[in-house]
């Protein structure tokens, strides 16, 4: 039987099909970047400019893609970045991602503004979930969520620090995108022109920010997050006895200070180019940050990854582990859970092939620079 997943052969295919099937408002919310989106273009150009060096006549018949992250063994060196309101791309997307994480033993970032309760995602992922936190307002609500995540059984907390104010993303602003989700005449017309998405979403019900149903307060996406400072980090470190990852770091001095402050890992990221358009390309910041924090400190990477070869490039630049984001939502929009599985297989095949072409058989060889 024909399946939309059969038409997926790359991340570009997933994006193309998603653009056709999603309402413009939803597609541009997922795909858009800050300002005129030159930052996103520079990020892509920086990744494309990196080369991998082919090697020949090495026995690469048996290749092992397994890796580890914060003491846990994974089946590959990439996981799933936290993404808000995933169920907008297709009802049930959060749990599709959770099942994928369980199947491949990789971390799934669970956004503060996930469409599914954090407890349910942790259960379905079979424990392979990390809770991502936004500090908002005076922090009272944020620390309630930290306590809730702890009670649910989360072992890793990811504090996103690169959103003191929500970046201006003109594409989503033009469509009037808001959270909580609101439908006006303009959105109604958009949905009417995309009936497949609309019927599924109507049956499933309006997507919601599920982690706030039981918290006694509402999350305002536009609320300032500017009050967070190093004292906030100290309080969080004291309150959280599990692993603490700081996401959104692009400065060497900040990275060194975070290591001194006792965090367990740093994630180099520009928030998918959705915050500061003029930020440096994250892939170019990996080598100096790695040099500054030392060879043994856990360093993760996201932003702009589109292929298994991109993963390998990030590993050669100093990352221990990488995370994919929006292309997984595009795969779900394009082909549902089958599309997601197919996209994951593509990424795995691309990385395995790149390893063969460059003469390595295990991830440690990439990270050691033994190419």
Protein backbone atom coordinates (compact mmCIF):
# COMPACT_ATOMS: atom_id res chain seq x y z
CA UNK A 1 0.00 0.00 0.00
CA UNK A 2 1.25 3.50 -0.86
CA UNK A 3 2.38 5.59 2.08
CA UNK A 4 3.49 9.20 2.31
CA UNK A 5 6.56 7.92 4.14
CA UNK A 6 7.64 6.21 0.91
CA UNK A 7 8.27 9.66 -0.55
CA UNK A 8 10.69 10.66 2.19
CA UNK A 9 14.33 10.37 1.19
CA UNK A 10 15.81 13.38 2.99
CA UNK A 11 14.99 16.15 5.43
CA UNK A 12 14.26 18.40 2.46
CA UNK A 13 11.54 16.00 1.32
CA UNK A 14 9.96 16.09 4.77
CA UNK A 15 9.96 19.89 4.79
CA UNK A 16 8.50 20.09 1.27
CA UNK A 17 5.63 17.72 2.08
CA UNK A 18 4.98 19.40 5.43
CA UNK A 19 4.73 22.80 3.75
CA UNK A 20 2.07 21.40 1.45
CA UNK A 21 0.02 19.79 4.21
CA UNK A 22 0.24 22.18 7.15
CA UNK A 23 -1.67 25.44 7.47
CA UNK A 24 0.60 28.37 6.65
CA UNK A 25 0.43 29.59 10.25
CA UNK A 26 1.58 26.26 11.66
CA UNK A 27 4.28 25.66 9.04
CA UNK A 28 5.77 29.13 9.52
CA UNK A 29 5.70 28.76 13.31
CA UNK A 30 7.78 25.57 13.02
CA UNK A 31 10.01 26.66 10.14
CA UNK A 32 10.50 30.37 10.84
CA UNK A 33 13.56 32.07 12.29
CA UNK A 34 14.35 35.46 13.77
CA UNK A 35 14.31 38.67 11.75
CA UNK A 36 14.87 38.30 8.02
CA UNK A 37 16.26 34.81 8.71
CA UNK A 38 19.83 35.54 7.63
CA UNK A 39 21.03 33.80 10.80
CA UNK A 40 19.40 30.56 9.71
CA UNK A 41 20.98 30.88 6.28
CA UNK A 42 24.43 31.50 7.79
CA UNK A 43 24.05 28.50 10.07
CA UNK A 44 23.28 26.30 7.08
CA UNK A 45 26.17 27.75 5.10
CA UNK A 46 28.58 27.16 7.99
CA UNK A 47 27.57 23.51 8.22
CA UNK A 48 27.81 23.09 4.46
CA UNK A 49 31.30 24.61 4.47
CA UNK A 50 32.66 21.86 6.72
CA UNK A 51 34.23 18.90 4.95
CA UNK A 52 34.52 15.28 5.95
CA UNK A 53 37.68 13.53 4.72
CA UNK A 54 37.13 10.27 2.84
CA UNK A 55 39.48 7.38 3.63
CA UNK A 56 39.91 4.21 1.63
CA UNK A 57 40.76 0.55 2.11
CA UNK A 58 39.79 0.42 5.75
CA UNK A 59 37.63 -2.45 6.85
CA UNK A 60 34.38 -0.68 7.79
CA UNK A 61 32.04 -3.63 7.32
CA UNK A 62 30.89 -3.57 10.95
CA UNK A 63 29.94 -0.09 12.16
CA UNK A 64 28.68 0.72 15.64
CA UNK A 65 26.59 3.89 16.00
CA UNK A 66 26.04 3.52 19.75
CA UNK A 67 27.05 6.36 22.02
CA UNK A 68 26.51 7.54 25.57
CA UNK A 69 25.18 10.65 27.24
CA UNK A 70 25.42 11.52 30.92
CA UNK A 71 26.22 7.93 31.78
CA UNK A 72 23.45 6.38 29.68
CA UNK A 73 24.10 4.23 26.62
CA UNK A 74 22.20 5.22 23.46
CA UNK A 75 21.78 3.52 20.11
CA UNK A 76 23.07 6.53 18.20
CA UNK A 77 24.75 9.88 18.94
CA UNK A 78 21.64 11.99 18.35
CA UNK A 79 18.41 12.60 20.21
CA UNK A 80 15.29 14.77 20.06
CA UNK A 81 15.45 18.44 20.97
CA UNK A 82 12.69 20.01 23.08
CA UNK A 83 9.99 21.53 20.86
CA UNK A 84 6.89 23.35 22.03
CA UNK A 85 3.34 22.51 20.93
CA UNK A 86 4.40 19.56 18.77
CA UNK A 87 0.82 18.36 18.44
CA UNK A 88 0.22 21.30 16.13
CA UNK A 89 2.06 19.41 13.38
CA UNK A 90 -0.19 16.39 13.92
CA UNK A 91 -2.32 15.19 16.85
CA UNK A 92 -0.35 12.79 19.01
CA UNK A 93 3.05 13.99 17.82
CA UNK A 94 4.45 14.24 21.36
CA UNK A 95 3.77 10.57 22.00
CA UNK A 96 5.12 9.57 18.58
CA UNK A 97 8.39 11.21 19.60
CA UNK A 98 8.21 9.51 23.01
CA UNK A 99 7.80 6.08 21.43
CA UNK A 100 10.72 6.83 19.11
CA UNK A 101 12.89 7.76 22.10
CA UNK A 102 11.96 4.53 23.86
CA UNK A 103 12.63 2.43 20.77
CA UNK A 104 16.11 3.84 20.23
CA UNK A 105 17.08 4.64 23.84
CA UNK A 106 17.77 8.30 23.09
CA UNK A 107 16.86 11.40 25.11
CA UNK A 108 13.68 13.27 24.26
CA UNK A 109 13.51 16.90 25.34
CA UNK A 110 10.08 17.65 26.82
CA UNK A 111 9.27 21.31 26.40
CA UNK A 112 7.77 23.47 29.12
CA UNK A 113 5.05 24.18 26.55
CA UNK A 114 4.53 20.58 25.41
CA UNK A 115 1.06 19.63 24.20
CA UNK A 116 1.02 16.50 26.40
CA UNK A 117 1.52 16.30 30.19
CA UNK A 118 5.15 15.77 31.15
CA UNK A 119 4.23 12.69 33.21
CA UNK A 120 2.62 10.92 30.26
CA UNK A 121 5.56 11.64 27.96
CA UNK A 122 8.03 10.28 30.52
CA UNK A 123 6.01 7.08 30.87
CA UNK A 124 5.61 6.47 27.13
CA UNK A 125 9.30 7.22 26.51
CA UNK A 126 10.15 4.54 29.09
CA UNK A 127 12.21 7.04 31.06
CA UNK A 128 14.11 8.43 28.05
CA UNK A 129 12.89 11.99 28.59
CA UNK A 130 14.49 15.18 29.86
CA UNK A 131 12.41 18.11 31.07
CA UNK A 132 13.20 21.47 29.47
CA UNK A 133 12.52 24.57 31.56
CA UNK A 134 11.85 28.19 30.65
CA UNK A 135 12.33 30.64 33.50
CA UNK A 136 9.44 33.15 33.29
CA UNK A 137 8.31 36.17 35.27
CA UNK A 138 9.47 36.02 38.88
CA UNK A 139 10.25 32.30 38.56
CA UNK A 140 7.58 31.10 40.97
CA UNK A 141 5.75 29.08 38.34
CA UNK A 142 8.99 27.79 36.87
CA UNK A 143 10.16 26.32 40.16
CA UNK A 144 6.74 24.67 40.59
CA UNK A 145 7.36 22.90 37.29
CA UNK A 146 10.82 21.83 38.49
CA UNK A 147 9.26 20.22 41.54
CA UNK A 148 6.60 18.55 39.40
CA UNK A 149 9.26 17.13 37.06
CA UNK A 150 11.19 15.81 40.04
CA UNK A 151 8.09 14.12 41.47
CA UNK A 152 7.31 12.61 38.06
CA UNK A 153 10.72 10.92 38.01
CA UNK A 154 12.73 13.03 35.59
CA UNK A 155 16.48 12.66 36.10
CA UNK A 156 17.69 15.41 33.75
CA UNK A 157 16.63 19.05 33.64
CA UNK A 158 17.47 21.30 30.68
CA UNK A 159 17.41 25.03 31.41
CA UNK A 160 17.06 27.11 28.26
CA UNK A 161 18.92 30.38 28.79
CA UNK A 162 18.83 32.09 25.40
CA UNK A 163 15.29 33.48 25.59
CA UNK A 164 15.36 36.50 27.93
CA UNK A 165 12.74 37.89 25.55
CA UNK A 166 11.01 35.96 22.77
CA UNK A 167 12.73 36.70 19.47
CA UNK A 168 10.78 38.47 16.75
CA UNK A 169 9.84 36.00 14.05
CA UNK A 170 8.03 37.94 11.34
CA UNK A 171 6.68 34.89 9.54
CA UNK A 172 4.63 33.73 12.52
CA UNK A 173 3.70 37.30 13.46
CA UNK A 174 2.17 37.87 10.03
CA UNK A 175 -0.16 34.94 10.61
CA UNK A 176 -1.16 36.09 14.09
CA UNK A 177 0.28 33.01 15.78
CA UNK A 178 -0.41 32.96 19.52
CA UNK A 179 -0.21 30.57 22.43
CA UNK A 180 -2.65 29.64 23.89
CA UNK A 181 -4.01 28.79 20.46
CA UNK A 182 -6.64 31.21 19.15
CA UNK A 183 -8.65 31.00 15.94
CA UNK A 184 -9.84 34.12 14.12
CA UNK A 185 -11.21 34.67 10.60
CA UNK A 186 -7.74 34.65 9.05
CA UNK A 187 -6.79 31.38 10.75
CA UNK A 188 -10.15 29.85 9.86
CA UNK A 189 -9.52 30.49 6.15
CA UNK A 190 -6.02 29.04 6.48
CA UNK A 191 -7.41 25.88 8.07
CA UNK A 192 -10.19 25.57 5.48
CA UNK A 193 -7.55 25.43 2.75
CA UNK A 194 -5.80 22.54 4.53
CA UNK A 195 -8.69 20.15 5.26
CA UNK A 196 -6.61 17.06 6.07
CA UNK A 197 -4.84 18.78 8.95
CA UNK A 198 -8.03 20.54 10.04
CA UNK A 199 -10.17 17.41 10.23
CA UNK A 200 -7.56 15.53 12.28
CA UNK A 201 -7.12 18.49 14.62
CA UNK A 202 -10.87 19.01 14.98
CA UNK A 203 -11.33 15.38 16.03
CA UNK A 204 -8.41 15.54 18.48
CA UNK A 205 -9.34 18.93 19.94
CA UNK A 206 -7.49 22.20 20.11
CA UNK A 207 -3.80 21.79 21.02
CA UNK A 208 -3.03 23.07 24.50
CA UNK A 209 -0.08 23.72 26.78
CA UNK A 210 -0.73 20.64 28.85
CA UNK A 211 1.81 21.26 31.62
CA UNK A 212 -0.18 24.19 32.96
CA UNK A 213 -3.55 22.50 33.42
CA UNK A 214 -2.68 21.47 36.96
CA UNK A 215 -0.29 24.26 37.92
CA UNK A 216 -2.80 26.93 38.91
CA UNK A 217 -1.33 29.53 36.54
CA UNK A 218 -1.19 30.24 32.82
CA UNK A 219 1.91 30.39 30.69
CA UNK A 220 2.32 33.62 28.76
CA UNK A 221 4.65 33.00 25.84
CA UNK A 222 5.40 36.73 25.56
CA UNK A 223 6.12 37.20 29.28
CA UNK A 224 9.61 38.49 29.97
CA UNK A 225 12.21 35.94 31.02
CA UNK A 226 14.82 38.61 31.56
CA UNK A 227 14.97 38.31 35.34
CA UNK A 228 16.95 35.06 35.27
CA UNK A 229 20.56 35.52 36.39
CA UNK A 230 23.44 33.58 37.93
CA UNK A 231 21.67 33.58 41.28
CA UNK A 232 18.72 31.90 39.57
CA UNK A 233 21.10 29.22 38.34
CA UNK A 234 22.45 28.70 41.84
CA UNK A 235 18.93 28.29 43.20
CA UNK A 236 18.12 25.82 40.47
CA UNK A 237 21.30 23.85 41.07
CA UNK A 238 20.38 23.62 44.77
CA UNK A 239 16.81 22.55 43.97
CA UNK A 240 17.70 19.92 41.37
CA UNK A 241 19.81 16.95 42.42
CA UNK A 242 19.74 15.27 39.01
CA UNK A 243 21.65 16.18 35.88
CA UNK A 244 21.44 19.87 34.95
CA UNK A 245 22.03 20.85 31.30
CA UNK A 246 22.24 24.49 30.19
CA UNK A 247 20.96 25.01 26.65
CA UNK A 248 21.60 28.03 24.44
CA UNK A 249 25.28 28.80 25.05
CA UNK A 250 27.36 30.56 22.37
CA UNK A 251 30.01 32.35 24.45
CA UNK A 252 33.29 30.87 25.68
CA UNK A 253 33.36 32.87 28.93
CA UNK A 254 29.77 31.82 29.70
CA UNK A 255 30.66 28.19 29.09
CA UNK A 256 33.61 28.35 31.50
CA UNK A 257 31.48 30.08 34.13
CA UNK A 258 28.78 27.41 33.78
CA UNK A 259 31.32 24.65 34.31
CA UNK A 260 32.57 26.40 37.45
CA UNK A 261 28.95 26.78 38.63
CA UNK A 262 28.57 23.01 38.67
CA UNK A 263 26.30 22.26 35.73
CA UNK A 264 26.58 18.79 34.25
CA UNK A 265 26.58 19.66 30.55
CA UNK A 266 26.31 22.54 28.10
CA UNK A 267 24.29 22.57 24.91
CA UNK A 268 25.69 24.84 22.21
CA UNK A 269 22.67 26.24 20.38
CA UNK A 270 21.12 29.35 18.87
CA UNK A 271 17.58 28.08 19.48
CA UNK A 272 17.24 27.05 15.87
CA UNK A 273 18.14 30.62 14.82
CA UNK A 274 14.85 31.76 16.33
CA UNK A 275 16.20 34.29 18.84
CA UNK A 276 19.06 36.61 17.84
CA UNK A 277 19.46 36.86 14.08
CA UNK A 278 23.03 38.15 14.39
CA UNK A 279 24.22 35.40 16.74
CA UNK A 280 27.34 33.50 15.64
CA UNK A 281 26.84 30.22 13.84
CA UNK A 282 26.76 27.60 16.63
CA UNK A 283 28.87 25.09 14.72
CA UNK A 284 31.72 27.64 14.66
CA UNK A 285 31.54 28.03 18.45
CA UNK A 286 31.94 24.34 19.22
CA UNK A 287 35.78 24.21 18.84
CA UNK A 288 36.59 27.23 21.06
CA UNK A 289 34.08 26.17 23.71
CA UNK A 290 35.45 22.63 23.67
CA UNK A 291 38.96 23.99 24.08
CA UNK A 292 37.88 26.16 27.01
CA UNK A 293 35.92 23.54 29.00
CA UNK A 294 38.35 20.69 28.37
CA UNK A 295 38.16 17.35 26.65
CA UNK A 296 36.10 15.55 29.30
CA UNK A 297 33.26 18.01 29.90
CA UNK A 298 29.94 16.95 28.25
CA UNK A 299 29.16 19.23 25.32
CA UNK A 300 25.98 18.86 23.26
CA UNK A 301 24.87 20.55 20.04
CA UNK A 302 21.72 21.53 18.19
CA UNK A 303 20.68 24.08 15.54
CA UNK A 304 20.36 23.52 11.83
CA UNK A 305 21.11 19.79 11.70
CA UNK A 306 19.49 18.22 8.65
CA UNK A 307 21.34 14.95 8.04
CA UNK A 308 23.52 12.21 9.42
CA UNK A 309 26.51 13.92 7.84
CA UNK A 310 25.65 17.06 9.83
CA UNK A 311 25.79 14.94 12.99
CA UNK A 312 29.22 13.70 12.06
CA UNK A 313 30.40 17.25 11.38
CA UNK A 314 29.25 18.37 14.83
CA UNK A 315 31.07 15.43 16.43
CA UNK A 316 34.28 16.35 14.62
CA UNK A 317 33.97 19.92 15.96
CA UNK A 318 33.83 18.83 19.60
CA UNK A 319 30.27 17.77 20.39
CA UNK A 320 29.65 14.61 22.41
CA UNK A 321 26.02 14.36 21.37
CA UNK A 322 23.59 16.11 19.02
CA UNK A 323 19.86 16.85 18.81
CA UNK A 324 17.43 17.14 15.91
CA UNK A 325 14.44 19.44 16.07
CA UNK A 326 12.05 20.74 13.44
CA UNK A 327 12.83 18.18 10.73
CA UNK A 328 11.20 15.54 12.96
CA UNK A 329 8.03 17.63 13.14
CA UNK A 330 8.10 17.98 9.37
CA UNK A 331 8.38 14.21 9.00
CA UNK A 332 5.36 13.73 11.26
CA UNK A 333 3.38 16.32 9.30
CA UNK A 334 4.37 14.62 6.06
CA UNK A 335 3.65 11.01 6.99
CA UNK A 336 2.55 10.63 10.60
CA UNK A 337 4.37 8.12 12.77
CA UNK A 338 5.50 6.17 9.71
CA UNK A 339 7.05 9.38 8.38
CA UNK A 340 8.86 9.94 11.67
CA UNK A 341 10.23 6.39 11.68
CA UNK A 342 11.34 6.79 8.07
CA UNK A 343 13.10 10.10 8.81
CA UNK A 344 14.94 8.54 11.75
CA UNK A 345 16.04 5.62 9.59
CA UNK A 346 17.28 8.07 6.95
CA UNK A 347 19.36 9.98 9.50
CA UNK A 348 20.78 6.73 10.82
CA UNK A 349 21.61 5.47 7.33
CA UNK A 350 23.25 8.79 6.43
CA UNK A 351 25.48 8.70 9.49
CA UNK A 352 26.39 5.05 8.98
CA UNK A 353 27.27 5.72 5.34
CA UNK A 354 29.37 8.77 6.27
CA UNK A 355 31.27 6.66 8.78
CA UNK A 356 32.01 4.08 6.11
CA UNK A 357 33.14 6.74 3.64
CA UNK A 358 35.51 8.28 6.19
CA UNK A 359 36.90 4.98 7.42
CA UNK A 360 35.57 4.85 10.98
CA UNK A 361 33.60 2.12 12.67
CA UNK A 362 32.60 3.65 15.99
CA UNK A 363 31.53 7.04 17.32
CA UNK A 364 34.55 7.32 19.61
CA UNK A 365 36.81 7.41 16.54
CA UNK A 366 34.97 10.49 15.26
CA UNK A 367 35.15 12.29 18.58
CA UNK A 368 38.85 11.54 19.00
CA UNK A 369 39.61 12.99 15.60
CA UNK A 370 40.98 9.66 14.40
CA UNK A 371 39.74 10.04 10.84
